[in-house]
Amino acid sequence: MKKVFMILCLTLCALLAFTACAGKSGAGDPKCSMSMSELAEDIMGKVEFAMTMSVDMTNEDERAYLAESTGLDPAWMADSSINTNMIVSADNLFLAEGNTMEDAEKIAEAFEKQKQNVIQSFEQYLPDPLEMAKNGQVVTKGRYVMLVISSDNDTVIAAFEAAIQ
């Protein structure tokens, strides 16, 4: 009887170990139904982003500026669409797909740094964009990360989450 009980216990332990490992494989990672550029275009069709400019991640100078100001490394990203504020607007829409979950965490930290940069840029300048920047959000879903600073963050977040299943 003890042998049967021991075999059952070992079998249960083995099943639990295999189940735990299977959960880490990434097979259940959410996927986006479109590219980050297409998602940005879709979102910008739903919510107005005032005075933003697209950062060309193929341009070495623009990549270097972003890396210096936020710590964002393009090597962390499988895909991205970076739309940043210009002078009197706090609006930002940064979207990225990390290569790995660890990369997504690093991207989220860089996006948070961008949010803090925007807040700092308006602290002594304009109160309305400052308040908008303070309400900005970094949202992560699987390997996908978004920074949104807009007049309607809730609509943007809903569109982001709907596109990533």
N, C-alpha and C. Protein backbone atom coordinates (compact mmCIF):
# COMPACT_ATOMS: atom_id res chain seq x y z
N MET A 1 0.82 -1.18 0.00
CA MET A 1 0.00 0.00 0.00
C MET A 1 0.87 1.27 0.00
N LYS A 2 1.98 1.21 0.78
CA LYS A 2 2.87 2.36 0.84
C LYS A 2 3.52 2.63 -0.52
N LYS A 3 3.84 1.54 -1.25
CA LYS A 3 4.47 1.70 -2.56
C LYS A 3 3.50 2.36 -3.54
N VAL A 4 2.27 1.96 -3.51
CA VAL A 4 1.25 2.54 -4.39
C VAL A 4 1.06 4.03 -4.06
N PHE A 5 1.01 4.32 -2.79
CA PHE A 5 0.85 5.72 -2.35
C PHE A 5 2.06 6.55 -2.79
N MET A 6 3.26 6.00 -2.64
CA MET A 6 4.49 6.69 -3.02
C MET A 6 4.51 6.93 -4.53
N ILE A 7 4.10 5.94 -5.32
CA ILE A 7 4.06 6.08 -6.79
C ILE A 7 3.06 7.16 -7.18
N LEU A 8 1.91 7.17 -6.55
CA LEU A 8 0.91 8.20 -6.83
C LEU A 8 1.44 9.59 -6.49
N CYS A 9 2.11 9.71 -5.35
CA CYS A 9 2.69 11.00 -4.95
C CYS A 9 3.74 11.47 -5.96
N LEU A 10 4.62 10.55 -6.38
CA LEU A 10 5.65 10.91 -7.35
C LEU A 10 5.04 11.29 -8.70
N THR A 11 4.01 10.58 -9.09
CA THR A 11 3.32 10.90 -10.34
C THR A 11 2.69 12.29 -10.26
N LEU A 12 2.06 12.59 -9.15
CA LEU A 12 1.44 13.91 -8.96
C LEU A 12 2.50 15.00 -8.97
N CYS A 13 3.62 14.77 -8.31
CA CYS A 13 4.71 15.75 -8.31
C CYS A 13 5.24 15.99 -9.72
N ALA A 14 5.40 14.92 -10.49
CA ALA A 14 5.88 15.05 -11.86
C ALA A 14 4.89 15.84 -12.71
N LEU A 15 3.61 15.56 -12.56
CA LEU A 15 2.59 16.31 -13.31
C LEU A 15 2.60 17.79 -12.95
N LEU A 16 2.73 18.08 -11.68
CA LEU A 16 2.79 19.48 -11.26
C LEU A 16 4.03 20.18 -11.81
N ALA A 17 5.15 19.49 -11.82
CA ALA A 17 6.38 20.07 -12.36
C ALA A 17 6.24 20.36 -13.85
N PHE A 18 5.67 19.43 -14.61
CA PHE A 18 5.47 19.65 -16.04
C PHE A 18 4.49 20.78 -16.30
N THR A 19 3.46 20.88 -15.51
CA THR A 19 2.47 21.95 -15.67
C THR A 19 3.10 23.30 -15.40
N ALA A 20 3.92 23.40 -14.36
CA ALA A 20 4.57 24.66 -14.03
C ALA A 20 5.51 25.09 -15.15
N CYS A 21 6.25 24.16 -15.71
CA CYS A 21 7.18 24.50 -16.80
C CYS A 21 6.42 24.92 -18.05
N ALA A 22 5.31 24.27 -18.33
CA ALA A 22 4.53 24.60 -19.52
C ALA A 22 4.00 26.02 -19.45
N GLY A 23 3.68 26.50 -18.26
CA GLY A 23 3.17 27.85 -18.10
C GLY A 23 4.20 28.91 -18.42
N LYS A 24 5.49 28.58 -18.39
CA LYS A 24 6.54 29.53 -18.65
C LYS A 24 6.99 29.54 -20.10
N SER A 25 6.45 28.72 -20.91
CA SER A 25 6.92 28.57 -22.29
C SER A 25 6.56 29.75 -23.18
N GLY A 26 5.59 30.53 -22.80
CA GLY A 26 5.20 31.67 -23.61
C GLY A 26 4.12 31.33 -24.62
N ALA A 27 3.63 30.11 -24.61
CA ALA A 27 2.63 29.70 -25.59
C ALA A 27 1.34 30.49 -25.42
N GLY A 28 1.06 30.97 -24.22
CA GLY A 28 -0.16 31.71 -23.97
C GLY A 28 0.02 33.22 -24.03
N ASP A 29 1.18 33.68 -24.53
CA ASP A 29 1.42 35.11 -24.61
C ASP A 29 0.39 35.78 -25.50
N PRO A 30 -0.08 36.95 -25.08
CA PRO A 30 -1.01 37.68 -25.94
C PRO A 30 -0.33 38.10 -27.25
N LYS A 31 -1.09 38.19 -28.30
CA LYS A 31 -0.59 38.62 -29.60
C LYS A 31 -1.40 39.82 -30.08
N CYS A 32 -0.74 40.70 -30.79
CA CYS A 32 -1.43 41.87 -31.35
C CYS A 32 -1.87 41.53 -32.77
N SER A 33 -3.06 41.96 -33.09
CA SER A 33 -3.64 41.66 -34.40
C SER A 33 -3.10 42.55 -35.51
N MET A 34 -2.23 43.52 -35.16
CA MET A 34 -1.69 44.44 -36.17
C MET A 34 -0.29 44.89 -35.74
N SER A 35 0.40 45.57 -36.63
CA SER A 35 1.72 46.10 -36.28
C SER A 35 1.54 47.27 -35.32
N MET A 36 2.61 47.67 -34.68
CA MET A 36 2.53 48.80 -33.74
C MET A 36 2.18 50.10 -34.48
N SER A 37 2.67 50.26 -35.71
CA SER A 37 2.33 51.44 -36.51
C SER A 37 0.85 51.45 -36.85
N GLU A 38 0.31 50.29 -37.22
CA GLU A 38 -1.12 50.20 -37.52
C GLU A 38 -1.96 50.45 -36.27
N LEU A 39 -1.49 49.93 -35.14
CA LEU A 39 -2.21 50.16 -33.89
C LEU A 39 -2.19 51.64 -33.52
N ALA A 40 -1.05 52.29 -33.69
CA ALA A 40 -0.97 53.73 -33.42
C ALA A 40 -1.93 54.51 -34.31
N GLU A 41 -1.95 54.14 -35.59
CA GLU A 41 -2.86 54.81 -36.54
C GLU A 41 -4.32 54.60 -36.12
N ASP A 42 -4.65 53.38 -35.71
CA ASP A 42 -6.01 53.08 -35.26
C ASP A 42 -6.36 53.92 -34.02
N ILE A 43 -5.46 53.95 -33.07
CA ILE A 43 -5.70 54.71 -31.84
C ILE A 43 -5.83 56.20 -32.15
N MET A 44 -4.96 56.72 -33.00
CA MET A 44 -4.99 58.14 -33.33
C MET A 44 -6.22 58.51 -34.15
N GLY A 45 -6.87 57.51 -34.74
CA GLY A 45 -8.15 57.75 -35.41
C GLY A 45 -9.30 57.86 -34.42
N LYS A 46 -9.09 57.36 -33.20
CA LYS A 46 -10.14 57.39 -32.18
C LYS A 46 -9.97 58.54 -31.20
N VAL A 47 -8.72 58.92 -30.96
CA VAL A 47 -8.42 59.99 -30.00
C VAL A 47 -7.45 60.95 -30.65
N GLU A 48 -7.73 62.23 -30.53
CA GLU A 48 -6.85 63.24 -31.12
C GLU A 48 -5.59 63.41 -30.27
N PHE A 49 -4.44 63.33 -30.92
CA PHE A 49 -3.16 63.60 -30.28
C PHE A 49 -2.64 64.89 -30.88
N ALA A 50 -2.60 65.95 -30.08
CA ALA A 50 -2.20 67.27 -30.57
C ALA A 50 -0.69 67.37 -30.68
N MET A 51 -0.24 67.85 -31.79
CA MET A 51 1.16 68.20 -32.01
C MET A 51 2.14 67.11 -31.61
N THR A 52 1.97 65.94 -32.16
CA THR A 52 2.95 64.87 -31.93
C THR A 52 3.78 64.67 -33.18
N MET A 53 4.97 64.14 -32.99
CA MET A 53 5.79 63.79 -34.14
C MET A 53 6.26 62.36 -33.96
N SER A 54 6.33 61.66 -35.06
CA SER A 54 6.76 60.27 -35.06
C SER A 54 8.29 60.21 -34.99
N VAL A 55 8.80 59.35 -34.14
CA VAL A 55 10.24 59.14 -34.05
C VAL A 55 10.59 57.99 -34.99
N ASP A 56 11.52 58.26 -35.90
CA ASP A 56 11.95 57.27 -36.88
C ASP A 56 13.04 56.40 -36.24
N MET A 57 12.68 55.19 -35.85
CA MET A 57 13.62 54.32 -35.16
C MET A 57 14.71 53.77 -36.09
N THR A 58 14.60 54.05 -37.40
CA THR A 58 15.68 53.66 -38.31
C THR A 58 16.72 54.77 -38.42
N ASN A 59 16.40 55.96 -37.91
CA ASN A 59 17.32 57.10 -37.93
C ASN A 59 18.22 57.05 -36.70
N GLU A 60 19.51 56.96 -36.93
CA GLU A 60 20.47 56.81 -35.83
C GLU A 60 20.40 57.97 -34.83
N ASP A 61 20.26 59.21 -35.32
CA ASP A 61 20.20 60.36 -34.42
C ASP A 61 18.95 60.33 -33.55
N GLU A 62 17.81 59.96 -34.13
CA GLU A 62 16.57 59.91 -33.36
C GLU A 62 16.60 58.77 -32.34
N ARG A 63 17.17 57.64 -32.73
CA ARG A 63 17.34 56.53 -31.77
C ARG A 63 18.25 56.94 -30.63
N ALA A 64 19.34 57.64 -30.95
CA ALA A 64 20.30 58.06 -29.93
C ALA A 64 19.66 59.05 -28.96
N TYR A 65 18.86 59.99 -29.49
CA TYR A 65 18.17 60.95 -28.63
C TYR A 65 17.23 60.22 -27.67
N LEU A 66 16.46 59.29 -28.17
CA LEU A 66 15.52 58.54 -27.34
C LEU A 66 16.26 57.70 -26.30
N ALA A 67 17.35 57.08 -26.70
CA ALA A 67 18.14 56.29 -25.76
C ALA A 67 18.72 57.17 -24.66
N GLU A 68 19.20 58.34 -25.03
CA GLU A 68 19.78 59.25 -24.04
C GLU A 68 18.74 59.82 -23.09
N SER A 69 17.58 60.16 -23.60
CA SER A 69 16.55 60.79 -22.75
C SER A 69 15.74 59.81 -21.92
N THR A 70 15.60 58.56 -22.39
CA THR A 70 14.75 57.61 -21.67
C THR A 70 15.45 56.30 -21.30
N GLY A 71 16.57 56.02 -21.94
CA GLY A 71 17.24 54.74 -21.73
C GLY A 71 16.69 53.64 -22.62
N LEU A 72 15.81 53.97 -23.54
CA LEU A 72 15.18 52.98 -24.42
C LEU A 72 16.19 52.45 -25.43
N ASP A 73 16.34 51.13 -25.49
CA ASP A 73 17.24 50.47 -26.41
C ASP A 73 16.41 49.79 -27.50
N PRO A 74 16.59 50.18 -28.76
CA PRO A 74 15.83 49.55 -29.85
C PRO A 74 16.02 48.04 -29.92
N ALA A 75 17.11 47.53 -29.40
CA ALA A 75 17.35 46.08 -29.42
C ALA A 75 16.34 45.32 -28.58
N TRP A 76 15.66 46.00 -27.66
CA TRP A 76 14.66 45.36 -26.82
C TRP A 76 13.34 45.13 -27.57
N MET A 77 13.16 45.80 -28.71
CA MET A 77 11.85 45.84 -29.34
C MET A 77 11.80 45.03 -30.63
N ALA A 78 10.75 44.22 -30.77
CA ALA A 78 10.47 43.52 -32.02
C ALA A 78 9.76 44.46 -32.98
N ASP A 79 9.00 45.40 -32.45
CA ASP A 79 8.22 46.35 -33.26
C ASP A 79 7.91 47.53 -32.37
N SER A 80 7.76 48.72 -32.98
CA SER A 80 7.44 49.90 -32.18
C SER A 80 6.82 50.99 -33.04
N SER A 81 6.15 51.91 -32.36
CA SER A 81 5.66 53.14 -32.96
C SER A 81 5.76 54.19 -31.86
N ILE A 82 6.63 55.16 -32.06
CA ILE A 82 6.91 56.16 -31.04
C ILE A 82 6.45 57.52 -31.55
N ASN A 83 5.48 58.11 -30.85
CA ASN A 83 4.94 59.42 -31.23
C ASN A 83 5.03 60.31 -30.00
N THR A 84 5.89 61.32 -30.09
CA THR A 84 6.20 62.14 -28.92
C THR A 84 5.67 63.56 -29.06
N ASN A 85 5.60 64.23 -27.92
CA ASN A 85 5.05 65.58 -27.87
C ASN A 85 6.01 66.61 -28.48
N MET A 86 5.41 67.72 -28.88
CA MET A 86 6.18 68.84 -29.41
C MET A 86 5.83 70.10 -28.63
N ILE A 87 6.76 70.72 -28.05
CA ILE A 87 6.75 72.01 -27.39
C ILE A 87 5.58 72.27 -26.45
N VAL A 88 4.39 72.63 -26.94
CA VAL A 88 3.29 73.05 -26.06
C VAL A 88 2.26 71.96 -25.80
N SER A 89 2.53 70.76 -26.24
CA SER A 89 1.61 69.65 -26.05
C SER A 89 2.28 68.55 -25.25
N ALA A 90 1.53 67.93 -24.34
CA ALA A 90 2.06 66.81 -23.56
C ALA A 90 1.74 65.47 -24.22
N ASP A 91 0.93 65.47 -25.27
CA ASP A 91 0.48 64.22 -25.89
C ASP A 91 1.65 63.32 -26.30
N ASN A 92 1.56 62.05 -25.92
CA ASN A 92 2.53 61.03 -26.29
C ASN A 92 1.80 59.73 -26.51
N LEU A 93 2.24 58.98 -27.49
CA LEU A 93 1.76 57.61 -27.69
C LEU A 93 2.96 56.77 -28.09
N PHE A 94 3.46 56.00 -27.14
CA PHE A 94 4.58 55.09 -27.37
C PHE A 94 4.03 53.68 -27.32
N LEU A 95 4.27 52.91 -28.35
CA LEU A 95 3.84 51.51 -28.41
C LEU A 95 5.05 50.65 -28.76
N ALA A 96 5.18 49.53 -28.07
CA ALA A 96 6.30 48.64 -28.38
C ALA A 96 5.94 47.20 -28.04
N GLU A 97 6.49 46.32 -28.83
CA GLU A 97 6.44 44.89 -28.54
C GLU A 97 7.84 44.48 -28.14
N GLY A 98 8.01 44.00 -26.93
CA GLY A 98 9.31 43.54 -26.47
C GLY A 98 9.66 42.20 -27.08
N ASN A 99 10.94 41.96 -27.25
CA ASN A 99 11.39 40.66 -27.74
C ASN A 99 11.12 39.57 -26.71
N THR A 100 11.25 39.92 -25.43
CA THR A 100 11.03 38.98 -24.33
C THR A 100 10.26 39.71 -23.23
N MET A 101 9.83 38.97 -22.23
CA MET A 101 9.15 39.61 -21.08
C MET A 101 10.12 40.53 -20.34
N GLU A 102 11.39 40.13 -20.25
CA GLU A 102 12.39 40.97 -19.59
C GLU A 102 12.57 42.28 -20.37
N ASP A 103 12.59 42.19 -21.70
CA ASP A 103 12.69 43.39 -22.52
C ASP A 103 11.47 44.28 -22.32
N ALA A 104 10.29 43.68 -22.22
CA ALA A 104 9.07 44.47 -21.99
C ALA A 104 9.15 45.24 -20.68
N GLU A 105 9.74 44.63 -19.66
CA GLU A 105 9.91 45.33 -18.37
C GLU A 105 10.85 46.52 -18.52
N LYS A 106 11.93 46.35 -19.28
CA LYS A 106 12.87 47.45 -19.52
C LYS A 106 12.20 48.56 -20.33
N ILE A 107 11.40 48.17 -21.31
CA ILE A 107 10.68 49.15 -22.13
C ILE A 107 9.71 49.94 -21.24
N ALA A 108 9.01 49.26 -20.36
CA ALA A 108 8.07 49.94 -19.46
C ALA A 108 8.81 50.96 -18.59
N GLU A 109 10.01 50.62 -18.12
CA GLU A 109 10.80 51.57 -17.32
C GLU A 109 11.19 52.78 -18.16
N ALA A 110 11.59 52.56 -19.41
CA ALA A 110 11.96 53.66 -20.30
C ALA A 110 10.74 54.53 -20.60
N PHE A 111 9.57 53.91 -20.80
CA PHE A 111 8.35 54.68 -21.06
C PHE A 111 7.98 55.51 -19.83
N GLU A 112 8.17 54.95 -18.64
CA GLU A 112 7.91 55.70 -17.41
C GLU A 112 8.86 56.89 -17.31
N LYS A 113 10.10 56.69 -17.72
CA LYS A 113 11.08 57.80 -17.74
C LYS A 113 10.61 58.88 -18.70
N GLN A 114 10.07 58.51 -19.85
CA GLN A 114 9.53 59.50 -20.79
C GLN A 114 8.40 60.28 -20.15
N LYS A 115 7.51 59.60 -19.46
CA LYS A 115 6.42 60.28 -18.76
C LYS A 115 6.98 61.31 -17.78
N GLN A 116 7.98 60.91 -17.02
CA GLN A 116 8.59 61.83 -16.05
C GLN A 116 9.26 63.00 -16.76
N ASN A 117 9.88 62.76 -17.91
CA ASN A 117 10.48 63.83 -18.70
C ASN A 117 9.43 64.85 -19.13
N VAL A 118 8.29 64.35 -19.57
CA VAL A 118 7.21 65.25 -20.01
C VAL A 118 6.68 66.06 -18.82
N ILE A 119 6.48 65.40 -17.71
CA ILE A 119 6.03 66.11 -16.50
C ILE A 119 7.02 67.22 -16.16
N GLN A 120 8.29 66.87 -16.14
CA GLN A 120 9.32 67.84 -15.79
C GLN A 120 9.35 69.00 -16.77
N SER A 121 9.13 68.74 -18.04
CA SER A 121 9.20 69.79 -19.04
C SER A 121 8.08 70.82 -18.89
N PHE A 122 6.97 70.46 -18.23
CA PHE A 122 5.86 71.39 -18.07
C PHE A 122 5.70 71.92 -16.64
N GLU A 123 6.56 71.51 -15.71
CA GLU A 123 6.39 71.91 -14.31
C GLU A 123 6.40 73.42 -14.10
N GLN A 124 7.20 74.13 -14.83
CA GLN A 124 7.29 75.58 -14.68
C GLN A 124 6.73 76.32 -15.90
N TYR A 125 5.89 75.62 -16.66
CA TYR A 125 5.55 76.16 -17.97
C TYR A 125 4.05 76.31 -18.15
N LEU A 126 3.35 75.23 -18.43
CA LEU A 126 1.92 75.29 -18.71
C LEU A 126 1.17 74.31 -17.81
N PRO A 127 0.15 74.77 -17.09
CA PRO A 127 -0.55 73.89 -16.14
C PRO A 127 -1.40 72.80 -16.80
N ASP A 128 -2.06 73.08 -17.91
CA ASP A 128 -2.93 72.06 -18.53
C ASP A 128 -2.14 70.86 -19.07
N PRO A 129 -1.07 71.09 -19.85
CA PRO A 129 -0.26 69.94 -20.29
C PRO A 129 0.40 69.22 -19.11
N LEU A 130 0.76 69.96 -18.06
CA LEU A 130 1.35 69.33 -16.88
C LEU A 130 0.37 68.35 -16.26
N GLU A 131 -0.87 68.76 -16.10
CA GLU A 131 -1.89 67.87 -15.52
C GLU A 131 -2.12 66.65 -16.40
N MET A 132 -2.13 66.87 -17.73
CA MET A 132 -2.30 65.76 -18.66
C MET A 132 -1.14 64.77 -18.52
N ALA A 133 0.08 65.30 -18.42
CA ALA A 133 1.26 64.44 -18.28
C ALA A 133 1.21 63.64 -16.98
N LYS A 134 0.79 64.26 -15.91
CA LYS A 134 0.70 63.57 -14.63
C LYS A 134 -0.30 62.42 -14.70
N ASN A 135 -1.32 62.55 -15.54
CA ASN A 135 -2.34 61.50 -15.69
C ASN A 135 -1.95 60.44 -16.73
N GLY A 136 -0.80 60.59 -17.35
CA GLY A 136 -0.33 59.61 -18.32
C GLY A 136 -0.17 58.25 -17.67
N GLN A 137 -0.24 57.20 -18.50
CA GLN A 137 -0.16 55.84 -17.98
C GLN A 137 0.73 54.96 -18.84
N VAL A 138 1.48 54.10 -18.17
CA VAL A 138 2.23 53.05 -18.85
C VAL A 138 1.44 51.77 -18.62
N VAL A 139 1.06 51.11 -19.72
CA VAL A 139 0.23 49.91 -19.66
C VAL A 139 1.00 48.76 -20.31
N THR A 140 1.01 47.62 -19.65
CA THR A 140 1.69 46.43 -20.17
C THR A 140 0.70 45.29 -20.29
N LYS A 141 0.77 44.59 -21.40
CA LYS A 141 -0.05 43.39 -21.61
C LYS A 141 0.84 42.38 -22.32
N GLY A 142 1.31 41.40 -21.56
CA GLY A 142 2.26 40.45 -22.11
C GLY A 142 3.55 41.17 -22.47
N ARG A 143 4.02 40.99 -23.69
CA ARG A 143 5.25 41.65 -24.15
C ARG A 143 4.96 43.02 -24.77
N TYR A 144 3.72 43.47 -24.74
CA TYR A 144 3.33 44.74 -25.34
C TYR A 144 3.27 45.83 -24.27
N VAL A 145 3.83 46.99 -24.60
CA VAL A 145 3.90 48.09 -23.65
C VAL A 145 3.44 49.37 -24.34
N MET A 146 2.70 50.19 -23.61
CA MET A 146 2.23 51.45 -24.15
C MET A 146 2.39 52.55 -23.12
N LEU A 147 2.83 53.72 -23.57
CA LEU A 147 2.75 54.96 -22.80
C LEU A 147 1.71 55.81 -23.49
N VAL A 148 0.72 56.24 -22.73
CA VAL A 148 -0.28 57.14 -23.28
C VAL A 148 -0.38 58.37 -22.40
N ILE A 149 -0.25 59.52 -23.03
CA ILE A 149 -0.54 60.80 -22.42
C ILE A 149 -1.46 61.49 -23.42
N SER A 150 -2.73 61.58 -23.07
CA SER A 150 -3.70 62.14 -24.01
C SER A 150 -4.87 62.74 -23.24
N SER A 151 -5.77 63.32 -23.99
CA SER A 151 -6.98 63.88 -23.38
C SER A 151 -8.00 62.79 -23.06
N ASP A 152 -7.79 61.57 -23.56
CA ASP A 152 -8.73 60.48 -23.32
C ASP A 152 -7.98 59.15 -23.18
N ASN A 153 -7.24 59.02 -22.09
CA ASN A 153 -6.44 57.81 -21.85
C ASN A 153 -7.29 56.55 -21.82
N ASP A 154 -8.50 56.62 -21.28
CA ASP A 154 -9.34 55.44 -21.15
C ASP A 154 -9.67 54.83 -22.51
N THR A 155 -10.00 55.66 -23.50
CA THR A 155 -10.31 55.17 -24.84
C THR A 155 -9.07 54.54 -25.47
N VAL A 156 -7.92 55.17 -25.28
CA VAL A 156 -6.67 54.65 -25.83
C VAL A 156 -6.34 53.29 -25.20
N ILE A 157 -6.46 53.19 -23.89
CA ILE A 157 -6.16 51.93 -23.20
C ILE A 157 -7.11 50.83 -23.65
N ALA A 158 -8.38 51.16 -23.81
CA ALA A 158 -9.35 50.17 -24.30
C ALA A 158 -8.98 49.67 -25.69
N ALA A 159 -8.56 50.56 -26.57
CA ALA A 159 -8.18 50.17 -27.93
C ALA A 159 -6.91 49.31 -27.90
N PHE A 160 -5.97 49.65 -27.07
CA PHE A 160 -4.73 48.87 -26.90
C PHE A 160 -5.05 47.46 -26.42
N GLU A 161 -5.85 47.36 -25.38
CA GLU A 161 -6.17 46.06 -24.81
C GLU A 161 -7.02 45.22 -25.75
N ALA A 162 -7.88 45.86 -26.54
CA ALA A 162 -8.72 45.12 -27.50
C ALA A 162 -7.88 44.53 -28.64
N ALA A 163 -6.81 45.23 -29.01
CA ALA A 163 -5.99 44.76 -30.12
C ALA A 163 -5.05 43.63 -29.73
N ILE A 164 -4.84 43.47 -28.44
CA ILE A 164 -3.88 42.47 -27.96
C ILE A 164 -4.64 41.38 -27.20
N GLN A 165 -4.72 40.22 -27.82
CA GLN A 165 -5.46 39.10 -27.23
C GLN A 165 -4.58 37.90 -27.05
